[in-house]
């Protein structure tokens, strides 16, 4: 992976996201490196935006963090949708599954008015 002298703005945003996710899980650079197969030095460069990350490396890091690559790229400060997705990602799995199940339950059919009484 090519190393830059100055951070690439997009790479720096992705790198900051990776750092935040790593720290959220209490992982050191060494531990995440061992889990993802990416060297500690490369991870450091990625987190600082000095190394342009490949799709394969992004995938390895995401899986080591227990995420999908798209979850790493969904940077909350990009907008309300990303912030919402990040909030859902942070929910405990049991709570997330319960919320998803509630969304999938069919709504009860609307109640029909009683038939008119012909004797009225």
PDB file of N, CA and C in Angstrom:
ATOM      1  N   UNK A   1       0.842  -1.174   0.000  1.00  0.00           N
ATOM      2  CA  UNK A   1       0.000   0.000   0.000  1.00  0.00           C
ATOM      3  C   UNK A   1       0.886   1.236   0.000  1.00  0.00           C
ATOM      4  N   UNK A   2       0.645   2.135  -0.950  1.00  0.00           N
ATOM      5  CA  UNK A   2       1.492   3.325  -1.024  1.00  0.00           C
ATOM      6  C   UNK A   2       1.275   4.259   0.162  1.00  0.00           C
ATOM      7  N   UNK A   3       2.374   4.760   0.706  1.00  0.00           N
ATOM      8  CA  UNK A   3       2.316   5.680   1.847  1.00  0.00           C
ATOM      9  C   UNK A   3       2.516   7.102   1.324  1.00  0.00           C
ATOM     10  N   UNK A   4       1.706   8.021   1.804  1.00  0.00           N
ATOM     11  CA  UNK A   4       1.763   9.424   1.398  1.00  0.00           C
ATOM     12  C   UNK A   4       2.507  10.238   2.444  1.00  0.00           C
ATOM     13  N   UNK A   5       2.910  11.419   2.058  1.00  0.00           N
ATOM     14  CA  UNK A   5       3.552  12.348   2.991  1.00  0.00           C
ATOM     15  C   UNK A   5       2.512  13.172   3.749  1.00  0.00           C
ATOM     16  N   UNK A   6       1.415  13.486   3.058  1.00  0.00           N
ATOM     17  CA  UNK A   6       0.324  14.233   3.687  1.00  0.00           C
ATOM     18  C   UNK A   6      -0.946  13.384   3.571  1.00  0.00           C
ATOM     19  N   UNK A   7      -1.823  13.470   4.557  1.00  0.00           N
ATOM     20  CA  UNK A   7      -3.031  12.637   4.528  1.00  0.00           C
ATOM     21  C   UNK A   7      -3.947  12.974   3.361  1.00  0.00           C
ATOM     22  N   UNK A   8      -4.504  11.947   2.754  1.00  0.00           N
ATOM     23  CA  UNK A   8      -5.561  12.107   1.762  1.00  0.00           C
ATOM     24  C   UNK A   8      -6.849  12.369   2.546  1.00  0.00           C
ATOM     25  N   UNK A   9      -7.644  13.382   2.193  1.00  0.00           N
ATOM     26  CA  UNK A   9      -8.824  13.723   2.991  1.00  0.00           C
ATOM     27  C   UNK A   9      -9.816  12.562   3.163  1.00  0.00           C
ATOM     28  N   UNK A  10     -10.101  11.859   2.083  1.00  0.00           N
ATOM     29  CA  UNK A  10     -11.041  10.736   2.177  1.00  0.00           C
ATOM     30  C   UNK A  10     -10.432   9.591   2.972  1.00  0.00           C
ATOM     31  N   UNK A  11      -9.177   9.281   2.707  1.00  0.00           N
ATOM     32  CA  UNK A  11      -8.495   8.218   3.446  1.00  0.00           C
ATOM     33  C   UNK A  11      -8.412   8.564   4.928  1.00  0.00           C
ATOM     34  N   UNK A  12      -8.251   9.842   5.247  1.00  0.00           N
ATOM     35  CA  UNK A  12      -8.181  10.259   6.650  1.00  0.00           C
ATOM     36  C   UNK A  12      -9.518  10.053   7.353  1.00  0.00           C
ATOM     37  N   UNK A  13     -10.634  10.300   6.644  1.00  0.00           N
ATOM     38  CA  UNK A  13     -11.960  10.076   7.230  1.00  0.00           C
ATOM     39  C   UNK A  13     -12.184   8.592   7.499  1.00  0.00           C
ATOM     40  N   UNK A  14     -11.828   7.753   6.530  1.00  0.00           N
ATOM     41  CA  UNK A  14     -11.975   6.305   6.706  1.00  0.00           C
ATOM     42  C   UNK A  14     -11.046   5.836   7.819  1.00  0.00           C
ATOM     43  N   UNK A  15      -9.834   6.343   7.840  1.00  0.00           N
ATOM     44  CA  UNK A  15      -8.882   5.970   8.879  1.00  0.00           C
ATOM     45  C   UNK A  15      -9.358   6.362  10.263  1.00  0.00           C
ATOM     46  N   UNK A  16      -9.933   7.556  10.377  1.00  0.00           N
ATOM     47  CA  UNK A  16     -10.460   7.999  11.673  1.00  0.00           C
ATOM     48  C   UNK A  16     -11.622   7.109  12.102  1.00  0.00           C
ATOM     49  N   UNK A  17     -12.410   6.680  11.139  1.00  0.00           N
ATOM     50  CA  UNK A  17     -13.533   5.771  11.438  1.00  0.00           C
ATOM     51  C   UNK A  17     -12.997   4.432  11.943  1.00  0.00           C
ATOM     52  N   UNK A  18     -11.977   3.905  11.289  1.00  0.00           N
ATOM     53  CA  UNK A  18     -11.381   2.642  11.717  1.00  0.00           C
ATOM     54  C   UNK A  18     -10.810   2.783  13.128  1.00  0.00           C
ATOM     55  N   UNK A  19     -10.119   3.894  13.382  1.00  0.00           N
ATOM     56  CA  UNK A  19      -9.558   4.121  14.723  1.00  0.00           C
ATOM     57  C   UNK A  19     -10.670   4.153  15.770  1.00  0.00           C
ATOM     58  N   UNK A  20     -11.754   4.882  15.482  1.00  0.00           N
ATOM     59  CA  UNK A  20     -12.864   4.985  16.437  1.00  0.00           C
ATOM     60  C   UNK A  20     -13.482   3.611  16.706  1.00  0.00           C
ATOM     61  N   UNK A  21     -13.666   2.820  15.659  1.00  0.00           N
ATOM     62  CA  UNK A  21     -14.241   1.479  15.822  1.00  0.00           C
ATOM     63  C   UNK A  21     -13.295   0.568  16.595  1.00  0.00           C
ATOM     64  N   UNK A  22     -12.007   0.686  16.326  1.00  0.00           N
ATOM     65  CA  UNK A  22     -11.001  -0.122  17.036  1.00  0.00           C
ATOM     66  C   UNK A  22     -10.995   0.236  18.515  1.00  0.00           C
ATOM     67  N   UNK A  23     -10.974   1.530  18.809  1.00  0.00           N
ATOM     68  CA  UNK A  23     -10.942   1.987  20.200  1.00  0.00           C
ATOM     69  C   UNK A  23     -12.242   1.643  20.928  1.00  0.00           C
ATOM     70  N   UNK A  24     -13.362   1.720  20.208  1.00  0.00           N
ATOM     71  CA  UNK A  24     -14.664   1.359  20.778  1.00  0.00           C
ATOM     72  C   UNK A  24     -14.652  -0.090  21.279  1.00  0.00           C
ATOM     73  N   UNK A  25     -13.892  -0.933  20.601  1.00  0.00           N
ATOM     74  CA  UNK A  25     -13.807  -2.348  20.965  1.00  0.00           C
ATOM     75  C   UNK A  25     -12.643  -2.642  21.917  1.00  0.00           C
ATOM     76  N   UNK A  26     -11.881  -1.602  22.258  1.00  0.00           N
ATOM     77  CA  UNK A  26     -10.762  -1.777  23.178  1.00  0.00           C
ATOM     78  C   UNK A  26      -9.599  -2.541  22.582  1.00  0.00           C
ATOM     79  N   UNK A  27      -9.419  -2.420  21.265  1.00  0.00           N
ATOM     80  CA  UNK A  27      -8.345  -3.136  20.576  1.00  0.00           C
ATOM     81  C   UNK A  27      -7.137  -2.226  20.357  1.00  0.00           C
ATOM     82  N   UNK A  28      -5.960  -2.771  20.518  1.00  0.00           N
ATOM     83  CA  UNK A  28      -4.736  -2.051  20.177  1.00  0.00           C
ATOM     84  C   UNK A  28      -4.481  -2.220  18.686  1.00  0.00           C
ATOM     85  N   UNK A  29      -3.557  -1.420  18.165  1.00  0.00           N
ATOM     86  CA  UNK A  29      -3.151  -1.594  16.763  1.00  0.00           C
ATOM     87  C   UNK A  29      -2.609  -3.005  16.552  1.00  0.00           C
ATOM     88  N   UNK A  30      -1.816  -3.486  17.499  1.00  0.00           N
ATOM     89  CA  UNK A  30      -1.227  -4.825  17.373  1.00  0.00           C
ATOM     90  C   UNK A  30      -2.297  -5.904  17.323  1.00  0.00           C
ATOM     91  N   UNK A  31      -3.289  -5.790  18.203  1.00  0.00           N
ATOM     92  CA  UNK A  31      -4.346  -6.806  18.271  1.00  0.00           C
ATOM     93  C   UNK A  31      -5.183  -6.798  17.000  1.00  0.00           C
ATOM     94  N   UNK A  32      -5.600  -5.618  16.540  1.00  0.00           N
ATOM     95  CA  UNK A  32      -6.378  -5.542  15.305  1.00  0.00           C
ATOM     96  C   UNK A  32      -5.540  -6.030  14.132  1.00  0.00           C
ATOM     97  N   UNK A  33      -4.257  -5.708  14.141  1.00  0.00           N
ATOM     98  CA  UNK A  33      -3.374  -6.188  13.081  1.00  0.00           C
ATOM     99  C   UNK A  33      -3.320  -7.703  13.030  1.00  0.00           C
ATOM    100  N   UNK A  34      -3.201  -8.330  14.195  1.00  0.00           N
ATOM    101  CA  UNK A  34      -3.160  -9.791  14.248  1.00  0.00           C
ATOM    102  C   UNK A  34      -4.483 -10.397  13.786  1.00  0.00           C
ATOM    103  N   UNK A  35      -5.570  -9.751  14.136  1.00  0.00           N
ATOM    104  CA  UNK A  35      -6.894 -10.261  13.767  1.00  0.00           C
ATOM    105  C   UNK A  35      -7.199 -10.081  12.282  1.00  0.00           C
ATOM    106  N   UNK A  36      -6.639  -9.031  11.675  1.00  0.00           N
ATOM    107  CA  UNK A  36      -6.968  -8.696  10.288  1.00  0.00           C
ATOM    108  C   UNK A  36      -5.891  -9.106   9.284  1.00  0.00           C
ATOM    109  N   UNK A  37      -4.703  -9.419   9.794  1.00  0.00           N
ATOM    110  CA  UNK A  37      -3.607  -9.746   8.884  1.00  0.00           C
ATOM    111  C   UNK A  37      -2.937  -8.514   8.293  1.00  0.00           C
ATOM    112  N   UNK A  38      -3.172  -7.365   8.898  1.00  0.00           N
ATOM    113  CA  UNK A  38      -2.568  -6.105   8.446  1.00  0.00           C
ATOM    114  C   UNK A  38      -1.546  -5.694   9.500  1.00  0.00           C
ATOM    115  N   UNK A  39      -0.357  -5.311   9.062  1.00  0.00           N
ATOM    116  CA  UNK A  39       0.694  -4.969  10.023  1.00  0.00           C
ATOM    117  C   UNK A  39       0.315  -3.741  10.848  1.00  0.00           C
ATOM    118  N   UNK A  40       0.882  -3.664  12.033  1.00  0.00           N
ATOM    119  CA  UNK A  40       0.648  -2.538  12.934  1.00  0.00           C
ATOM    120  C   UNK A  40       1.030  -1.220  12.255  1.00  0.00           C
ATOM    121  N   UNK A  41       2.157  -1.206  11.545  1.00  0.00           N
ATOM    122  CA  UNK A  41       2.602   0.003  10.846  1.00  0.00           C
ATOM    123  C   UNK A  41       1.633   0.426   9.755  1.00  0.00           C
ATOM    124  N   UNK A  42       1.119  -0.555   8.995  1.00  0.00           N
ATOM    125  CA  UNK A  42       0.142  -0.229   7.949  1.00  0.00           C
ATOM    126  C   UNK A  42      -1.144   0.299   8.562  1.00  0.00           C
ATOM    127  N   UNK A  43      -1.597  -0.340   9.648  1.00  0.00           N
ATOM    128  CA  UNK A  43      -2.815   0.141  10.312  1.00  0.00           C
ATOM    129  C   UNK A  43      -2.640   1.572  10.808  1.00  0.00           C
ATOM    130  N   UNK A  44      -1.495   1.866  11.365  1.00  0.00           N
ATOM    131  CA  UNK A  44      -1.220   3.214  11.838  1.00  0.00           C
ATOM    132  C   UNK A  44      -1.303   4.209  10.680  1.00  0.00           C
ATOM    133  N   UNK A  45      -0.701   3.864   9.564  1.00  0.00           N
ATOM    134  CA  UNK A  45      -0.750   4.726   8.382  1.00  0.00           C
ATOM    135  C   UNK A  45      -2.155   4.878   7.836  1.00  0.00           C
ATOM    136  N   UNK A  46      -2.933   3.774   7.860  1.00  0.00           N
ATOM    137  CA  UNK A  46      -4.322   3.820   7.398  1.00  0.00           C
ATOM    138  C   UNK A  46      -5.127   4.764   8.284  1.00  0.00           C
ATOM    139  N   UNK A  47      -4.982   4.616   9.600  1.00  0.00           N
ATOM    140  CA  UNK A  47      -5.738   5.450  10.530  1.00  0.00           C
ATOM    141  C   UNK A  47      -5.393   6.930  10.395  1.00  0.00           C
ATOM    142  N   UNK A  48      -4.192   7.252   9.964  1.00  0.00           N
ATOM    143  CA  UNK A  48      -3.790   8.653   9.794  1.00  0.00           C
ATOM    144  C   UNK A  48      -4.032   9.163   8.376  1.00  0.00           C
ATOM    145  N   UNK A  49      -4.573   8.307   7.496  1.00  0.00           N
ATOM    146  CA  UNK A  49      -4.866   8.722   6.127  1.00  0.00           C
ATOM    147  C   UNK A  49      -3.653   8.791   5.239  1.00  0.00           C
ATOM    148  N   UNK A  50      -2.541   8.200   5.675  1.00  0.00           N
ATOM    149  CA  UNK A  50      -1.309   8.232   4.891  1.00  0.00           C
ATOM    150  C   UNK A  50      -1.176   7.024   3.966  1.00  0.00           C
ATOM    151  N   UNK A  51      -2.005   6.012   4.188  1.00  0.00           N
ATOM    152  CA  UNK A  51      -1.981   4.805   3.361  1.00  0.00           C
ATOM    153  C   UNK A  51      -3.353   4.653   2.726  1.00  0.00           C
ATOM    154  N   UNK A  52      -3.367   4.518   1.408  1.00  0.00           N
ATOM    155  CA  UNK A  52      -4.630   4.289   0.710  1.00  0.00           C
ATOM    156  C   UNK A  52      -4.987   2.819   0.856  1.00  0.00           C
ATOM    157  N   UNK A  53      -6.129   2.550   1.411  1.00  0.00           N
ATOM    158  CA  UNK A  53      -6.552   1.201   1.742  1.00  0.00           C
ATOM    159  C   UNK A  53      -7.161   0.513   0.515  1.00  0.00           C
ATOM    160  N   UNK A  54      -6.856  -0.759   0.345  1.00  0.00           N
ATOM    161  CA  UNK A  54      -7.466  -1.529  -0.741  1.00  0.00           C
ATOM    162  C   UNK A  54      -8.788  -2.113  -0.248  1.00  0.00           C
ATOM    163  N   UNK A  55      -9.603  -2.560  -1.177  1.00  0.00           N
ATOM    164  CA  UNK A  55     -10.885  -3.173  -0.817  1.00  0.00           C
ATOM    165  C   UNK A  55     -10.648  -4.434   0.008  1.00  0.00           C
ATOM    166  N   UNK A  56      -9.666  -5.225  -0.356  1.00  0.00           N
ATOM    167  CA  UNK A  56      -9.372  -6.451   0.388  1.00  0.00           C
ATOM    168  C   UNK A  56      -8.951  -6.129   1.822  1.00  0.00           C
ATOM    169  N   UNK A  57      -8.125  -5.119   1.993  1.00  0.00           N
ATOM    170  CA  UNK A  57      -7.692  -4.729   3.337  1.00  0.00           C
ATOM    171  C   UNK A  57      -8.862  -4.179   4.134  1.00  0.00           C
ATOM    172  N   UNK A  58      -9.691  -3.363   3.515  1.00  0.00           N
ATOM    173  CA  UNK A  58     -10.889  -2.843   4.172  1.00  0.00           C
ATOM    174  C   UNK A  58     -11.765  -4.001   4.645  1.00  0.00           C
ATOM    175  N   UNK A  59     -11.952  -4.983   3.795  1.00  0.00           N
ATOM    176  CA  UNK A  59     -12.764  -6.144   4.143  1.00  0.00           C
ATOM    177  C   UNK A  59     -12.163  -6.910   5.316  1.00  0.00           C
ATOM    178  N   UNK A  60     -10.850  -7.117   5.301  1.00  0.00           N
ATOM    179  CA  UNK A  60     -10.184  -7.831   6.396  1.00  0.00           C
ATOM    180  C   UNK A  60     -10.326  -7.079   7.720  1.00  0.00           C
ATOM    181  N   UNK A  61     -10.152  -5.764   7.683  1.00  0.00           N
ATOM    182  CA  UNK A  61     -10.265  -4.963   8.898  1.00  0.00           C
ATOM    183  C   UNK A  61     -11.709  -4.980   9.399  1.00  0.00           C
ATOM    184  N   UNK A  62     -12.662  -4.796   8.487  1.00  0.00           N
ATOM    185  CA  UNK A  62     -14.077  -4.795   8.870  1.00  0.00           C
ATOM    186  C   UNK A  62     -14.460  -6.109   9.539  1.00  0.00           C
ATOM    187  N   UNK A  63     -14.071  -7.217   8.936  1.00  0.00           N
ATOM    188  CA  UNK A  63     -14.429  -8.524   9.505  1.00  0.00           C
ATOM    189  C   UNK A  63     -13.751  -8.732  10.860  1.00  0.00           C
ATOM    190  N   UNK A  64     -12.544  -8.248  11.020  1.00  0.00           N
ATOM    191  CA  UNK A  64     -11.855  -8.353  12.312  1.00  0.00           C
ATOM    192  C   UNK A  64     -12.577  -7.525  13.375  1.00  0.00           C
ATOM    193  N   UNK A  65     -13.228  -6.443  12.952  1.00  0.00           N
ATOM    194  CA  UNK A  65     -13.996  -5.598  13.870  1.00  0.00           C
ATOM    195  C   UNK A  65     -15.412  -6.130  14.078  1.00  0.00           C
ATOM    196  N   UNK A  66     -15.764  -7.209  13.360  1.00  0.00           N
ATOM    197  CA  UNK A  66     -17.111  -7.770  13.476  1.00  0.00           C
ATOM    198  C   UNK A  66     -18.150  -7.000  12.694  1.00  0.00           C
ATOM    199  N   UNK A  67     -17.705  -6.324  11.632  1.00  0.00           N
ATOM    200  CA  UNK A  67     -18.588  -5.486  10.830  1.00  0.00           C
ATOM    201  C   UNK A  67     -18.516  -5.867   9.361  1.00  0.00           C
ATOM    202  N   UNK A  68     -19.436  -5.285   8.591  1.00  0.00           N
ATOM    203  CA  UNK A  68     -19.359  -5.385   7.133  1.00  0.00           C
ATOM    204  C   UNK A  68     -18.535  -4.185   6.643  1.00  0.00           C
ATOM    205  N   UNK A  69     -17.872  -4.330   5.505  1.00  0.00           N
ATOM    206  CA  UNK A  69     -17.090  -3.189   4.993  1.00  0.00           C
ATOM    207  C   UNK A  69     -17.918  -1.915   4.857  1.00  0.00           C
ATOM    208  N   UNK A  70     -19.164  -2.030   4.459  1.00  0.00           N
ATOM    209  CA  UNK A  70     -20.002  -0.842   4.294  1.00  0.00           C
ATOM    210  C   UNK A  70     -20.218  -0.136   5.629  1.00  0.00           C
ATOM    211  N   UNK A  71     -20.224  -0.889   6.745  1.00  0.00           N
ATOM    212  CA  UNK A  71     -20.383  -0.271   8.058  1.00  0.00           C
ATOM    213  C   UNK A  71     -19.166   0.581   8.426  1.00  0.00           C
ATOM    214  N   UNK A  72     -18.010   0.188   7.938  1.00  0.00           N
ATOM    215  CA  UNK A  72     -16.797   0.974   8.183  1.00  0.00           C
ATOM    216  C   UNK A  72     -16.848   2.262   7.362  1.00  0.00           C
ATOM    217  N   UNK A  73     -17.405   2.177   6.164  1.00  0.00           N
ATOM    218  CA  UNK A  73     -17.457   3.340   5.282  1.00  0.00           C
ATOM    219  C   UNK A  73     -18.601   4.290   5.597  1.00  0.00           C
ATOM    220  N   UNK A  74     -19.593   3.850   6.379  1.00  0.00           N
ATOM    221  CA  UNK A  74     -20.723   4.708   6.746  1.00  0.00           C
ATOM    222  C   UNK A  74     -20.279   5.636   7.870  1.00  0.00           C
ATOM    223  N   UNK A  75     -19.727   6.753   7.495  1.00  0.00           N
ATOM    224  CA  UNK A  75     -19.162   7.696   8.461  1.00  0.00           C
ATOM    225  C   UNK A  75     -20.291   8.567   8.999  1.00  0.00           C
ATOM    226  N   UNK A  76     -20.581   8.479  10.320  1.00  0.00           N
ATOM    227  CA  UNK A  76     -21.750   9.165  10.886  1.00  0.00           C
ATOM    228  C   UNK A  76     -21.842  10.647  10.565  1.00  0.00           C
ATOM    229  N   UNK A  77     -20.736  11.348  10.521  1.00  0.00           N
ATOM    230  CA  UNK A  77     -20.822  12.786  10.278  1.00  0.00           C
ATOM    231  C   UNK A  77     -21.147  13.126   8.827  1.00  0.00           C
ATOM    232  N   UNK A  78     -21.303  12.123   7.954  1.00  0.00           N
ATOM    233  CA  UNK A  78     -21.669  12.389   6.570  1.00  0.00           C
ATOM    234  C   UNK A  78     -23.130  12.801   6.428  1.00  0.00           C
ATOM    235  N   UNK A  79     -23.974  12.426   7.384  1.00  0.00           N
ATOM    236  CA  UNK A  79     -25.371  12.812   7.282  1.00  0.00           C
ATOM    237  C   UNK A  79     -26.253  12.034   8.231  1.00  0.00           C
ATOM    238  N   UNK A  80     -27.540  12.371   8.229  1.00  0.00           N
ATOM    239  CA  UNK A  80     -28.452  11.748   9.184  1.00  0.00           C
ATOM    240  C   UNK A  80     -28.614  10.238   8.965  1.00  0.00           C
ATOM    241  N   UNK A  81     -28.615   9.777   7.731  1.00  0.00           N
ATOM    242  CA  UNK A  81     -28.760   8.342   7.492  1.00  0.00           C
ATOM    243  C   UNK A  81     -27.581   7.571   8.083  1.00  0.00           C
ATOM    244  N   UNK A  82     -26.371   8.063   7.862  1.00  0.00           N
ATOM    245  CA  UNK A  82     -25.187   7.399   8.398  1.00  0.00           C
ATOM    246  C   UNK A  82     -25.192   7.426   9.921  1.00  0.00           C
ATOM    247  N   UNK A  83     -25.631   8.545  10.500  1.00  0.00           N
ATOM    248  CA  UNK A  83     -25.711   8.640  11.960  1.00  0.00           C
ATOM    249  C   UNK A  83     -26.727   7.651  12.502  1.00  0.00           C
ATOM    250  N   UNK A  84     -27.863   7.513  11.812  1.00  0.00           N
ATOM    251  CA  UNK A  84     -28.891   6.558  12.216  1.00  0.00           C
ATOM    252  C   UNK A  84     -28.375   5.124  12.118  1.00  0.00           C
ATOM    253  N   UNK A  85     -27.708   4.805  11.019  1.00  0.00           N
ATOM    254  CA  UNK A  85     -27.152   3.462  10.854  1.00  0.00           C
ATOM    255  C   UNK A  85     -26.091   3.171  11.908  1.00  0.00           C
ATOM    256  N   UNK A  86     -25.314   4.167  12.265  1.00  0.00           N
ATOM    257  CA  UNK A  86     -24.303   3.975  13.299  1.00  0.00           C
ATOM    258  C   UNK A  86     -24.966   3.739  14.653  1.00  0.00           C
ATOM    259  N   UNK A  87     -26.053   4.438  14.911  1.00  0.00           N
ATOM    260  CA  UNK A  87     -26.796   4.238  16.156  1.00  0.00           C
ATOM    261  C   UNK A  87     -27.336   2.809  16.227  1.00  0.00           C
ATOM    262  N   UNK A  88     -27.888   2.327  15.136  1.00  0.00           N
ATOM    263  CA  UNK A  88     -28.393   0.949  15.096  1.00  0.00           C
ATOM    264  C   UNK A  88     -27.252  -0.038  15.276  1.00  0.00           C
ATOM    265  N   UNK A  89     -26.130   0.227  14.652  1.00  0.00           N
ATOM    266  CA  UNK A  89     -24.976  -0.674  14.764  1.00  0.00           C
ATOM    267  C   UNK A  89     -24.516  -0.779  16.212  1.00  0.00           C
ATOM    268  N   UNK A  90     -24.631   0.303  16.960  1.00  0.00           N
ATOM    269  CA  UNK A  90     -24.168   0.312  18.351  1.00  0.00           C
ATOM    270  C   UNK A  90     -25.149  -0.354  19.319  1.00  0.00           C
ATOM    271  N   UNK A  91     -26.385  -0.590  18.864  1.00  0.00           N
ATOM    272  CA  UNK A  91     -27.373  -1.221  19.739  1.00  0.00           C
ATOM    273  C   UNK A  91     -26.935  -2.643  20.070  1.00  0.00           C
ATOM    274  N   UNK A  92     -27.242  -3.115  21.279  1.00  0.00           N
ATOM    275  CA  UNK A  92     -26.969  -4.518  21.577  1.00  0.00           C
ATOM    276  C   UNK A  92     -27.723  -5.402  20.578  1.00  0.00           C
ATOM    277  N   UNK A  93     -27.123  -6.498  20.186  1.00  0.00           N
ATOM    278  CA  UNK A  93     -27.697  -7.340  19.133  1.00  0.00           C
ATOM    279  C   UNK A  93     -29.118  -7.776  19.454  1.00  0.00           C
ATOM    280  N   UNK A  94     -29.367  -8.150  20.693  1.00  0.00           N
ATOM    281  CA  UNK A  94     -30.712  -8.604  21.073  1.00  0.00           C
ATOM    282  C   UNK A  94     -31.749  -7.509  20.837  1.00  0.00           C
ATOM    283  N   UNK A  95     -31.399  -6.288  21.214  1.00  0.00           N
ATOM    284  CA  UNK A  95     -32.305  -5.155  21.028  1.00  0.00           C
ATOM    285  C   UNK A  95     -32.503  -4.859  19.540  1.00  0.00           C
ATOM    286  N   UNK A  96     -31.430  -4.951  18.770  1.00  0.00           N
ATOM    287  CA  UNK A  96     -31.496  -4.709  17.323  1.00  0.00           C
ATOM    288  C   UNK A  96     -32.409  -5.736  16.658  1.00  0.00           C
ATOM    289  N   UNK A  97     -32.279  -7.012  17.052  1.00  0.00           N
ATOM    290  CA  UNK A  97     -33.108  -8.074  16.470  1.00  0.00           C
ATOM    291  C   UNK A  97     -34.577  -7.897  16.859  1.00  0.00           C
ATOM    292  N   UNK A  98     -34.834  -7.472  18.093  1.00  0.00           N
ATOM    293  CA  UNK A  98     -36.207  -7.240  18.543  1.00  0.00           C
ATOM    294  C   UNK A  98     -36.836  -6.099  17.740  1.00  0.00           C
ATOM    295  N   UNK A  99     -36.081  -5.040  17.496  1.00  0.00           N
ATOM    296  CA  UNK A  99     -36.596  -3.912  16.717  1.00  0.00           C
ATOM    297  C   UNK A  99     -36.865  -4.329  15.277  1.00  0.00           C
ATOM    298  N   UNK A 100     -35.983  -5.134  14.715  1.00  0.00           N
ATOM    299  CA  UNK A 100     -36.180  -5.614  13.349  1.00  0.00           C
ATOM    300  C   UNK A 100     -37.413  -6.500  13.265  1.00  0.00           C
ATOM    301  N   UNK A 101     -37.607  -7.381  14.242  1.00  0.00           N
ATOM    302  CA  UNK A 101     -38.780  -8.261  14.253  1.00  0.00           C
ATOM    303  C   UNK A 101     -40.061  -7.438  14.336  1.00  0.00           C
ATOM    304  N   UNK A 102     -40.046  -6.371  15.135  1.00  0.00           N
ATOM    305  CA  UNK A 102     -41.231  -5.523  15.259  1.00  0.00           C
ATOM    306  C   UNK A 102     -41.557  -4.846  13.938  1.00  0.00           C
ATOM    307  N   UNK A 103     -40.539  -4.490  13.185  1.00  0.00           N
ATOM    308  CA  UNK A 103     -40.770  -3.861  11.880  1.00  0.00           C
ATOM    309  C   UNK A 103     -41.364  -4.836  10.880  1.00  0.00           C
ATOM    310  N   UNK A 104     -41.081  -6.113  11.046  1.00  0.00           N
ATOM    311  CA  UNK A 104     -41.528  -7.116  10.085  1.00  0.00           C
ATOM    312  C   UNK A 104     -42.892  -7.702  10.418  1.00  0.00           C
ATOM    313  N   UNK A 105     -43.431  -7.434  11.623  1.00  0.00           N
ATOM    314  CA  UNK A 105     -44.745  -7.949  11.991  1.00  0.00           C
ATOM    315  C   UNK A 105     -45.800  -7.263  11.138  1.00  0.00           C
ATOM    316  N   UNK A 106     -46.714  -8.067  10.570  1.00  0.00           N
ATOM    317  CA  UNK A 106     -47.760  -7.434   9.753  1.00  0.00           C
ATOM    318  C   UNK A 106     -48.715  -6.636  10.637  1.00  0.00           C
ATOM    319  N   UNK A 107     -49.211  -5.565  10.077  1.00  0.00           N
ATOM    320  CA  UNK A 107     -50.173  -4.758  10.805  1.00  0.00           C
ATOM    321  C   UNK A 107     -51.511  -5.485  10.781  1.00  0.00           C
ATOM    322  N   UNK A 108     -52.265  -5.400  11.871  1.00  0.00           N
ATOM    323  CA  UNK A 108     -53.578  -6.059  11.853  1.00  0.00           C
ATOM    324  C   UNK A 108     -54.475  -5.379  10.827  1.00  0.00           C
ATOM    325  N   UNK A 109     -55.364  -6.169  10.205  1.00  0.00           N
ATOM    326  CA  UNK A 109     -56.246  -5.536   9.213  1.00  0.00           C
ATOM    327  C   UNK A 109     -57.161  -4.538   9.898  1.00  0.00           C
ATOM    328  N   UNK A 110     -57.561  -3.504   9.169  1.00  0.00           N
ATOM    329  CA  UNK A 110     -58.449  -2.510   9.786  1.00  0.00           C
ATOM    330  C   UNK A 110     -59.767  -3.183  10.161  1.00  0.00           C
ATOM    331  N   UNK A 111     -60.314  -2.782  11.287  1.00  0.00           N
ATOM    332  CA  UNK A 111     -61.584  -3.393  11.700  1.00  0.00           C
ATOM    333  C   UNK A 111     -62.686  -2.884  10.788  1.00  0.00           C
ATOM    334  N   UNK A 112     -63.577  -3.815  10.433  1.00  0.00           N
ATOM    335  CA  UNK A 112     -64.673  -3.448   9.557  1.00  0.00           C
ATOM    336  C   UNK A 112     -65.848  -2.974  10.394  1.00  0.00           C
ATOM    337  N   UNK A 113     -66.579  -2.013   9.891  1.00  0.00           N
ATOM    338  CA  UNK A 113     -67.752  -1.572  10.653  1.00  0.00           C
ATOM    339  C   UNK A 113     -68.779  -2.692  10.713  1.00  0.00           C
ATOM    340  N   UNK A 114     -69.535  -2.759  11.781  1.00  0.00           N
ATOM    341  CA  UNK A 114     -70.546  -3.831  11.859  1.00  0.00           C
ATOM    342  C   UNK A 114     -71.572  -3.657  10.740  1.00  0.00           C
ATOM    343  N   UNK A 115     -72.131  -4.770  10.286  1.00  0.00           N
ATOM    344  CA  UNK A 115     -73.139  -4.644   9.214  1.00  0.00           C
ATOM    345  C   UNK A 115     -74.361  -3.854   9.722  1.00  0.00           C
ATOM    346  N   UNK A 116     -74.974  -3.149   8.799  1.00  0.00           N
ATOM    347  CA  UNK A 116     -76.143  -2.346   9.179  1.00  0.00           C
ATOM    348  C   UNK A 116     -77.310  -3.264   9.459  1.00  0.00           C
ATOM    349  N   UNK A 117     -78.070  -2.891  10.457  1.00  0.00           N
ATOM    350  CA  UNK A 117     -79.252  -3.680  10.816  1.00  0.00           C
ATOM    351  C   UNK A 117     -80.403  -3.269   9.911  1.00  0.00           C
ATOM    352  N   UNK A 118     -80.944  -4.220   9.116  1.00  0.00           N
ATOM    353  CA  UNK A 118     -82.020  -3.837   8.175  1.00  0.00           C
ATOM    354  C   UNK A 118     -83.310  -3.439   8.901  1.00  0.00           C
ATOM    355  N   UNK A 119     -83.435  -3.738  10.158  1.00  0.00           N
ATOM    356  CA  UNK A 119     -84.676  -3.390  10.877  1.00  0.00           C
ATOM    357  C   UNK A 119     -84.694  -1.945  11.349  1.00  0.00           C
ATOM    358  N   UNK A 120     -83.585  -1.258  11.220  1.00  0.00           N
ATOM    359  CA  UNK A 120     -83.538   0.146  11.676  1.00  0.00           C
ATOM    360  C   UNK A 120     -84.268   1.053  10.764  1.00  0.00           C
TER     361      UNK A 120
END
